[in-house]
Amino acid sequence: MKIPAELLYSKDHEWVKVEDGRAVVGITDFAQDQLGDVVFVEVPEAGAELGVGDGLTTIESVKAVSDVYSPLGGKIAQVNEELGDAPQLINEDPYGKGWIAVLEIADAAELKGLLTAEEYKKFLSEEA
C-alpha cells in the first residue's frame, strides 16, 4: 500500500497535496482498496464553499456508496472532470490521475489537523 511521504492525510482517508495556497485532494490507496472497483464518481461543483468535514463527493464502487469529506475548508477551484467518464482512475492512480478536486485553502492553520505519512501509517495500524 502506497503512502507518499510528501502528502498529508485525514482520518477519513483523504490525502492533501499543498501547492501555492491550494490543496489537491483525493482518497488514499487504502481507501480505494477498501472500496474495490470504483464505478461512479459524483464530480463536485467548482465554486462550492466547504468547511472541514463537509461532503466533497460521493464514490460508488461494486461494494458500497461512500462519502468523501473535505479535509480542509475552502472554495473548490478545480474539479477532475475526467472522473465522470473514467471513475476507475481512482483505483488505477489514486495519488495522480485519480485526484478529485483542488481547494483554495481558507485557513492554512487547518493543515495542522492533518496527519503526516508516518502518523497515517500508525493510524492505519491502530485501526486494523
N, C-alpha and C. Protein backbone atom coordinates (compact mmCIF):
# COMPACT_ATOMS: atom_id res chain seq x y z
N MET A 1 0.85 -1.18 0.00
CA MET A 1 0.00 0.00 0.00
C MET A 1 0.89 1.25 0.00
N LYS A 2 0.57 2.16 -0.89
CA LYS A 2 1.37 3.38 -1.02
C LYS A 2 0.86 4.47 -0.09
N ILE A 3 1.81 5.12 0.60
CA ILE A 3 1.51 6.29 1.44
C ILE A 3 2.63 7.29 1.18
N PRO A 4 2.50 8.11 0.11
CA PRO A 4 3.57 9.05 -0.22
C PRO A 4 3.91 9.99 0.94
N ALA A 5 5.21 10.13 1.20
CA ALA A 5 5.70 10.92 2.33
C ALA A 5 5.40 12.40 2.21
N GLU A 6 5.28 12.92 0.97
CA GLU A 6 5.11 14.37 0.78
C GLU A 6 3.67 14.85 0.96
N LEU A 7 2.74 13.93 1.16
CA LEU A 7 1.34 14.31 1.30
C LEU A 7 0.91 14.36 2.77
N LEU A 8 -0.25 14.99 3.00
CA LEU A 8 -0.88 14.99 4.32
C LEU A 8 -2.15 14.14 4.20
N TYR A 9 -2.64 13.64 5.34
CA TYR A 9 -3.75 12.69 5.33
C TYR A 9 -4.78 13.02 6.40
N SER A 10 -6.04 12.64 6.11
CA SER A 10 -7.09 12.79 7.11
C SER A 10 -7.43 11.41 7.67
N LYS A 11 -8.09 11.39 8.81
CA LYS A 11 -8.51 10.12 9.40
C LYS A 11 -9.69 9.52 8.64
N ASP A 12 -10.24 10.28 7.68
CA ASP A 12 -11.30 9.76 6.80
C ASP A 12 -10.71 9.21 5.50
N HIS A 13 -9.38 9.13 5.45
CA HIS A 13 -8.65 8.52 4.33
C HIS A 13 -8.63 9.37 3.06
N GLU A 14 -8.58 10.69 3.24
CA GLU A 14 -8.32 11.59 2.12
C GLU A 14 -6.85 12.01 2.20
N TRP A 15 -6.28 12.34 1.05
CA TRP A 15 -4.93 12.89 1.03
C TRP A 15 -4.99 14.32 0.52
N VAL A 16 -3.97 15.09 0.90
CA VAL A 16 -3.87 16.50 0.54
C VAL A 16 -2.45 16.79 0.08
N LYS A 17 -2.35 17.45 -1.08
CA LYS A 17 -1.06 17.93 -1.58
C LYS A 17 -1.17 19.44 -1.67
N VAL A 18 -0.37 20.15 -0.88
CA VAL A 18 -0.43 21.61 -0.83
C VAL A 18 0.50 22.20 -1.88
N GLU A 19 -0.06 23.10 -2.72
CA GLU A 19 0.70 23.79 -3.75
C GLU A 19 0.19 25.22 -3.88
N ASP A 20 1.02 26.19 -3.57
CA ASP A 20 0.70 27.60 -3.79
C ASP A 20 -0.65 28.03 -3.20
N GLY A 21 -0.89 27.72 -1.93
CA GLY A 21 -2.12 28.14 -1.27
C GLY A 21 -3.35 27.34 -1.68
N ARG A 22 -3.12 26.31 -2.42
CA ARG A 22 -4.21 25.42 -2.84
C ARG A 22 -3.92 24.00 -2.36
N ALA A 23 -4.97 23.21 -2.27
CA ALA A 23 -4.82 21.82 -1.84
C ALA A 23 -5.47 20.90 -2.86
N VAL A 24 -4.67 20.01 -3.44
CA VAL A 24 -5.20 18.96 -4.30
C VAL A 24 -5.67 17.86 -3.35
N VAL A 25 -6.89 17.34 -3.57
CA VAL A 25 -7.48 16.36 -2.66
C VAL A 25 -7.90 15.11 -3.42
N GLY A 26 -7.67 13.96 -2.78
CA GLY A 26 -8.13 12.69 -3.33
C GLY A 26 -8.32 11.70 -2.20
N ILE A 27 -8.59 10.45 -2.55
CA ILE A 27 -8.68 9.43 -1.49
C ILE A 27 -7.42 8.56 -1.55
N THR A 28 -7.07 7.99 -0.42
CA THR A 28 -5.83 7.24 -0.30
C THR A 28 -5.90 5.87 -0.99
N ASP A 29 -4.74 5.30 -1.18
CA ASP A 29 -4.62 3.95 -1.74
C ASP A 29 -5.40 2.97 -0.86
N PHE A 30 -5.29 3.15 0.46
CA PHE A 30 -6.03 2.29 1.40
C PHE A 30 -7.54 2.39 1.14
N ALA A 31 -8.04 3.62 0.98
CA ALA A 31 -9.48 3.84 0.79
C ALA A 31 -9.96 3.21 -0.52
N GLN A 32 -9.22 3.42 -1.60
CA GLN A 32 -9.66 2.85 -2.88
C GLN A 32 -9.62 1.34 -2.84
N ASP A 33 -8.64 0.77 -2.10
CA ASP A 33 -8.54 -0.68 -1.97
C ASP A 33 -9.74 -1.23 -1.19
N GLN A 34 -10.15 -0.53 -0.15
CA GLN A 34 -11.30 -0.95 0.66
C GLN A 34 -12.60 -0.87 -0.15
N LEU A 35 -12.70 0.13 -1.01
CA LEU A 35 -13.90 0.30 -1.83
C LEU A 35 -14.04 -0.77 -2.90
N GLY A 36 -12.92 -1.23 -3.43
CA GLY A 36 -12.98 -2.13 -4.58
C GLY A 36 -13.13 -1.31 -5.85
N ASP A 37 -13.59 -1.93 -6.93
CA ASP A 37 -13.67 -1.27 -8.22
C ASP A 37 -14.65 -0.09 -8.19
N VAL A 38 -14.14 1.10 -8.44
CA VAL A 38 -14.96 2.31 -8.47
C VAL A 38 -15.69 2.37 -9.81
N VAL A 39 -17.02 2.53 -9.75
CA VAL A 39 -17.83 2.54 -10.98
C VAL A 39 -18.47 3.90 -11.27
N PHE A 40 -18.49 4.79 -10.26
CA PHE A 40 -19.10 6.11 -10.47
C PHE A 40 -18.53 7.09 -9.44
N VAL A 41 -18.25 8.31 -9.91
CA VAL A 41 -17.83 9.39 -9.01
C VAL A 41 -18.71 10.59 -9.32
N GLU A 42 -19.34 11.12 -8.29
CA GLU A 42 -20.12 12.35 -8.45
C GLU A 42 -19.11 13.50 -8.43
N VAL A 43 -18.86 14.08 -9.59
CA VAL A 43 -17.86 15.15 -9.68
C VAL A 43 -18.39 16.37 -8.92
N PRO A 44 -17.60 16.89 -7.95
CA PRO A 44 -18.07 18.05 -7.19
C PRO A 44 -18.24 19.29 -8.07
N GLU A 45 -18.89 20.29 -7.53
CA GLU A 45 -19.15 21.52 -8.27
C GLU A 45 -18.09 22.57 -7.97
N ALA A 46 -17.43 23.05 -9.02
CA ALA A 46 -16.44 24.13 -8.85
C ALA A 46 -17.15 25.36 -8.31
N GLY A 47 -16.47 26.06 -7.41
CA GLY A 47 -17.04 27.28 -6.82
C GLY A 47 -17.73 27.05 -5.49
N ALA A 48 -18.03 25.79 -5.16
CA ALA A 48 -18.69 25.50 -3.89
C ALA A 48 -17.75 25.80 -2.72
N GLU A 49 -18.31 26.33 -1.64
CA GLU A 49 -17.56 26.61 -0.41
C GLU A 49 -17.76 25.45 0.55
N LEU A 50 -16.66 24.94 1.09
CA LEU A 50 -16.73 23.80 2.01
C LEU A 50 -16.02 24.12 3.32
N GLY A 51 -16.52 23.50 4.39
CA GLY A 51 -15.83 23.54 5.67
C GLY A 51 -15.18 22.18 5.90
N VAL A 52 -14.33 22.10 6.91
CA VAL A 52 -13.71 20.82 7.26
C VAL A 52 -14.81 19.82 7.57
N GLY A 53 -14.75 18.65 6.94
CA GLY A 53 -15.71 17.60 7.21
C GLY A 53 -16.98 17.66 6.37
N ASP A 54 -17.13 18.71 5.57
CA ASP A 54 -18.30 18.79 4.68
C ASP A 54 -18.15 17.75 3.57
N GLY A 55 -19.28 17.33 3.01
CA GLY A 55 -19.24 16.36 1.92
C GLY A 55 -18.61 16.97 0.68
N LEU A 56 -17.58 16.31 0.17
CA LEU A 56 -16.90 16.75 -1.04
C LEU A 56 -17.49 16.06 -2.26
N THR A 57 -17.69 14.76 -2.15
CA THR A 57 -18.23 13.98 -3.25
C THR A 57 -18.73 12.64 -2.74
N THR A 58 -19.31 11.87 -3.66
CA THR A 58 -19.75 10.51 -3.36
C THR A 58 -19.09 9.59 -4.39
N ILE A 59 -18.58 8.48 -3.90
CA ILE A 59 -17.95 7.49 -4.78
C ILE A 59 -18.74 6.20 -4.66
N GLU A 60 -19.10 5.63 -5.82
CA GLU A 60 -19.83 4.37 -5.84
C GLU A 60 -18.88 3.29 -6.37
N SER A 61 -18.81 2.20 -5.64
CA SER A 61 -17.98 1.07 -6.06
C SER A 61 -18.85 -0.17 -6.14
N VAL A 62 -18.25 -1.28 -6.54
CA VAL A 62 -19.00 -2.53 -6.61
C VAL A 62 -19.44 -2.98 -5.21
N LYS A 63 -18.77 -2.48 -4.17
CA LYS A 63 -19.08 -2.88 -2.79
C LYS A 63 -20.02 -1.93 -2.06
N ALA A 64 -19.89 -0.62 -2.33
CA ALA A 64 -20.61 0.36 -1.49
C ALA A 64 -20.66 1.73 -2.15
N VAL A 65 -21.50 2.59 -1.56
CA VAL A 65 -21.50 4.00 -1.90
C VAL A 65 -20.90 4.72 -0.70
N SER A 66 -19.85 5.51 -0.93
CA SER A 66 -19.14 6.15 0.18
C SER A 66 -19.02 7.65 -0.04
N ASP A 67 -19.17 8.37 1.07
CA ASP A 67 -18.98 9.82 1.02
C ASP A 67 -17.50 10.13 1.20
N VAL A 68 -17.05 11.18 0.52
CA VAL A 68 -15.70 11.70 0.69
C VAL A 68 -15.86 13.08 1.31
N TYR A 69 -15.12 13.32 2.38
CA TYR A 69 -15.26 14.57 3.14
C TYR A 69 -14.10 15.51 2.85
N SER A 70 -14.38 16.79 2.92
CA SER A 70 -13.35 17.78 2.69
C SER A 70 -12.40 17.82 3.90
N PRO A 71 -11.10 17.59 3.68
CA PRO A 71 -10.16 17.61 4.80
C PRO A 71 -9.81 19.03 5.25
N LEU A 72 -10.17 20.02 4.42
CA LEU A 72 -9.89 21.42 4.73
C LEU A 72 -11.08 22.28 4.31
N GLY A 73 -11.17 23.46 4.90
CA GLY A 73 -12.17 24.41 4.46
C GLY A 73 -11.64 25.20 3.28
N GLY A 74 -12.54 25.58 2.39
CA GLY A 74 -12.12 26.39 1.25
C GLY A 74 -13.11 26.32 0.11
N LYS A 75 -12.74 26.95 -0.97
CA LYS A 75 -13.57 27.01 -2.16
C LYS A 75 -13.01 26.03 -3.19
N ILE A 76 -13.89 25.27 -3.85
CA ILE A 76 -13.44 24.35 -4.88
C ILE A 76 -13.05 25.17 -6.11
N ALA A 77 -11.74 25.15 -6.41
CA ALA A 77 -11.21 25.93 -7.52
C ALA A 77 -11.23 25.14 -8.82
N GLN A 78 -11.10 23.82 -8.69
CA GLN A 78 -11.00 22.98 -9.88
C GLN A 78 -11.48 21.58 -9.51
N VAL A 79 -12.08 20.89 -10.47
CA VAL A 79 -12.50 19.50 -10.25
C VAL A 79 -11.92 18.63 -11.36
N ASN A 80 -11.78 17.37 -11.06
CA ASN A 80 -11.25 16.41 -12.04
C ASN A 80 -12.42 15.88 -12.86
N GLU A 81 -12.70 16.56 -13.96
CA GLU A 81 -13.82 16.18 -14.83
C GLU A 81 -13.65 14.78 -15.43
N GLU A 82 -12.40 14.33 -15.56
CA GLU A 82 -12.13 13.01 -16.13
C GLU A 82 -12.81 11.89 -15.35
N LEU A 83 -13.02 12.11 -14.06
CA LEU A 83 -13.62 11.05 -13.23
C LEU A 83 -15.04 10.72 -13.65
N GLY A 84 -15.72 11.68 -14.28
CA GLY A 84 -17.08 11.43 -14.75
C GLY A 84 -17.13 10.31 -15.78
N ASP A 85 -16.14 10.29 -16.67
CA ASP A 85 -16.07 9.27 -17.72
C ASP A 85 -15.17 8.10 -17.36
N ALA A 86 -14.24 8.33 -16.43
CA ALA A 86 -13.25 7.30 -16.09
C ALA A 86 -13.07 7.19 -14.58
N PRO A 87 -14.13 6.75 -13.85
CA PRO A 87 -14.03 6.67 -12.39
C PRO A 87 -12.94 5.71 -11.92
N GLN A 88 -12.55 4.77 -12.78
CA GLN A 88 -11.53 3.78 -12.42
C GLN A 88 -10.15 4.42 -12.18
N LEU A 89 -9.98 5.70 -12.58
CA LEU A 89 -8.72 6.39 -12.31
C LEU A 89 -8.41 6.42 -10.82
N ILE A 90 -9.45 6.43 -10.00
CA ILE A 90 -9.25 6.42 -8.54
C ILE A 90 -8.58 5.12 -8.11
N ASN A 91 -8.94 4.00 -8.72
CA ASN A 91 -8.29 2.73 -8.41
C ASN A 91 -6.89 2.65 -9.03
N GLU A 92 -6.78 3.10 -10.26
CA GLU A 92 -5.53 2.94 -11.00
C GLU A 92 -4.42 3.87 -10.52
N ASP A 93 -4.76 5.09 -10.14
CA ASP A 93 -3.76 6.10 -9.79
C ASP A 93 -4.32 7.06 -8.75
N PRO A 94 -4.57 6.59 -7.50
CA PRO A 94 -5.24 7.43 -6.51
C PRO A 94 -4.50 8.72 -6.16
N TYR A 95 -3.16 8.71 -6.29
CA TYR A 95 -2.38 9.91 -5.93
C TYR A 95 -1.99 10.74 -7.14
N GLY A 96 -2.45 10.34 -8.32
CA GLY A 96 -2.11 11.06 -9.54
C GLY A 96 -3.37 11.43 -10.29
N LYS A 97 -3.65 10.68 -11.35
CA LYS A 97 -4.81 10.99 -12.21
C LYS A 97 -6.14 10.82 -11.50
N GLY A 98 -6.15 10.18 -10.33
CA GLY A 98 -7.38 9.96 -9.58
C GLY A 98 -7.72 11.05 -8.57
N TRP A 99 -7.04 12.20 -8.66
CA TRP A 99 -7.37 13.31 -7.76
C TRP A 99 -8.83 13.72 -7.97
N ILE A 100 -9.42 14.33 -6.94
CA ILE A 100 -10.85 14.68 -7.01
C ILE A 100 -11.07 16.17 -7.23
N ALA A 101 -10.43 17.00 -6.41
CA ALA A 101 -10.66 18.44 -6.50
C ALA A 101 -9.46 19.22 -6.00
N VAL A 102 -9.43 20.50 -6.37
CA VAL A 102 -8.43 21.44 -5.85
C VAL A 102 -9.19 22.50 -5.06
N LEU A 103 -8.78 22.70 -3.81
CA LEU A 103 -9.41 23.69 -2.94
C LEU A 103 -8.50 24.90 -2.77
N GLU A 104 -9.09 26.09 -2.77
CA GLU A 104 -8.37 27.28 -2.33
C GLU A 104 -8.45 27.24 -0.81
N ILE A 105 -7.33 27.09 -0.16
CA ILE A 105 -7.31 26.92 1.30
C ILE A 105 -7.78 28.20 1.99
N ALA A 106 -8.82 28.06 2.82
CA ALA A 106 -9.37 29.22 3.54
C ALA A 106 -8.52 29.57 4.76
N ASP A 107 -8.02 28.55 5.47
CA ASP A 107 -7.27 28.77 6.71
C ASP A 107 -6.13 27.75 6.78
N ALA A 108 -4.92 28.20 6.50
CA ALA A 108 -3.76 27.31 6.48
C ALA A 108 -3.54 26.62 7.83
N ALA A 109 -4.04 27.18 8.91
CA ALA A 109 -3.88 26.56 10.23
C ALA A 109 -4.56 25.19 10.28
N GLU A 110 -5.59 24.98 9.43
CA GLU A 110 -6.28 23.69 9.41
C GLU A 110 -5.37 22.54 8.96
N LEU A 111 -4.29 22.88 8.26
CA LEU A 111 -3.34 21.85 7.82
C LEU A 111 -2.74 21.12 9.02
N LYS A 112 -2.65 21.82 10.17
CA LYS A 112 -2.08 21.20 11.37
C LYS A 112 -2.95 20.06 11.90
N GLY A 113 -4.22 20.02 11.48
CA GLY A 113 -5.12 18.95 11.91
C GLY A 113 -4.98 17.68 11.08
N LEU A 114 -4.14 17.73 10.05
CA LEU A 114 -3.95 16.56 9.20
C LEU A 114 -2.74 15.75 9.66
N LEU A 115 -2.66 14.53 9.18
CA LEU A 115 -1.60 13.60 9.59
C LEU A 115 -0.47 13.59 8.57
N THR A 116 0.76 13.40 9.05
CA THR A 116 1.89 13.15 8.15
C THR A 116 1.77 11.70 7.68
N ALA A 117 2.59 11.31 6.72
CA ALA A 117 2.58 9.93 6.22
C ALA A 117 2.86 8.95 7.36
N GLU A 118 3.82 9.26 8.22
CA GLU A 118 4.14 8.36 9.35
C GLU A 118 2.97 8.25 10.32
N GLU A 119 2.33 9.39 10.60
CA GLU A 119 1.17 9.37 11.51
C GLU A 119 0.01 8.59 10.89
N TYR A 120 -0.16 8.73 9.58
CA TYR A 120 -1.24 8.00 8.90
C TYR A 120 -0.97 6.49 8.92
N LYS A 121 0.28 6.08 8.70
CA LYS A 121 0.64 4.66 8.78
C LYS A 121 0.30 4.11 10.17
N LYS A 122 0.66 4.88 11.20
CA LYS A 122 0.37 4.46 12.58
C LYS A 122 -1.13 4.37 12.81
N PHE A 123 -1.88 5.36 12.30
CA PHE A 123 -3.34 5.37 12.42
C PHE A 123 -3.92 4.12 11.78
N LEU A 124 -3.45 3.76 10.59
CA LEU A 124 -3.96 2.57 9.91
C LEU A 124 -3.66 1.30 10.71
N SER A 125 -2.47 1.22 11.29
CA SER A 125 -2.12 0.02 12.05
C SER A 125 -2.96 -0.09 13.32
N GLU A 126 -3.35 1.05 13.90
CA GLU A 126 -4.22 1.03 15.09
C GLU A 126 -5.66 0.68 14.72
N GLU A 127 -6.07 1.04 13.51
CA GLU A 127 -7.42 0.75 13.04
C GLU A 127 -7.62 -0.74 12.77
N ALA A 128 -6.53 -1.41 12.35
CA ALA A 128 -6.61 -2.81 11.90
C ALA A 128 -6.98 -3.76 13.02
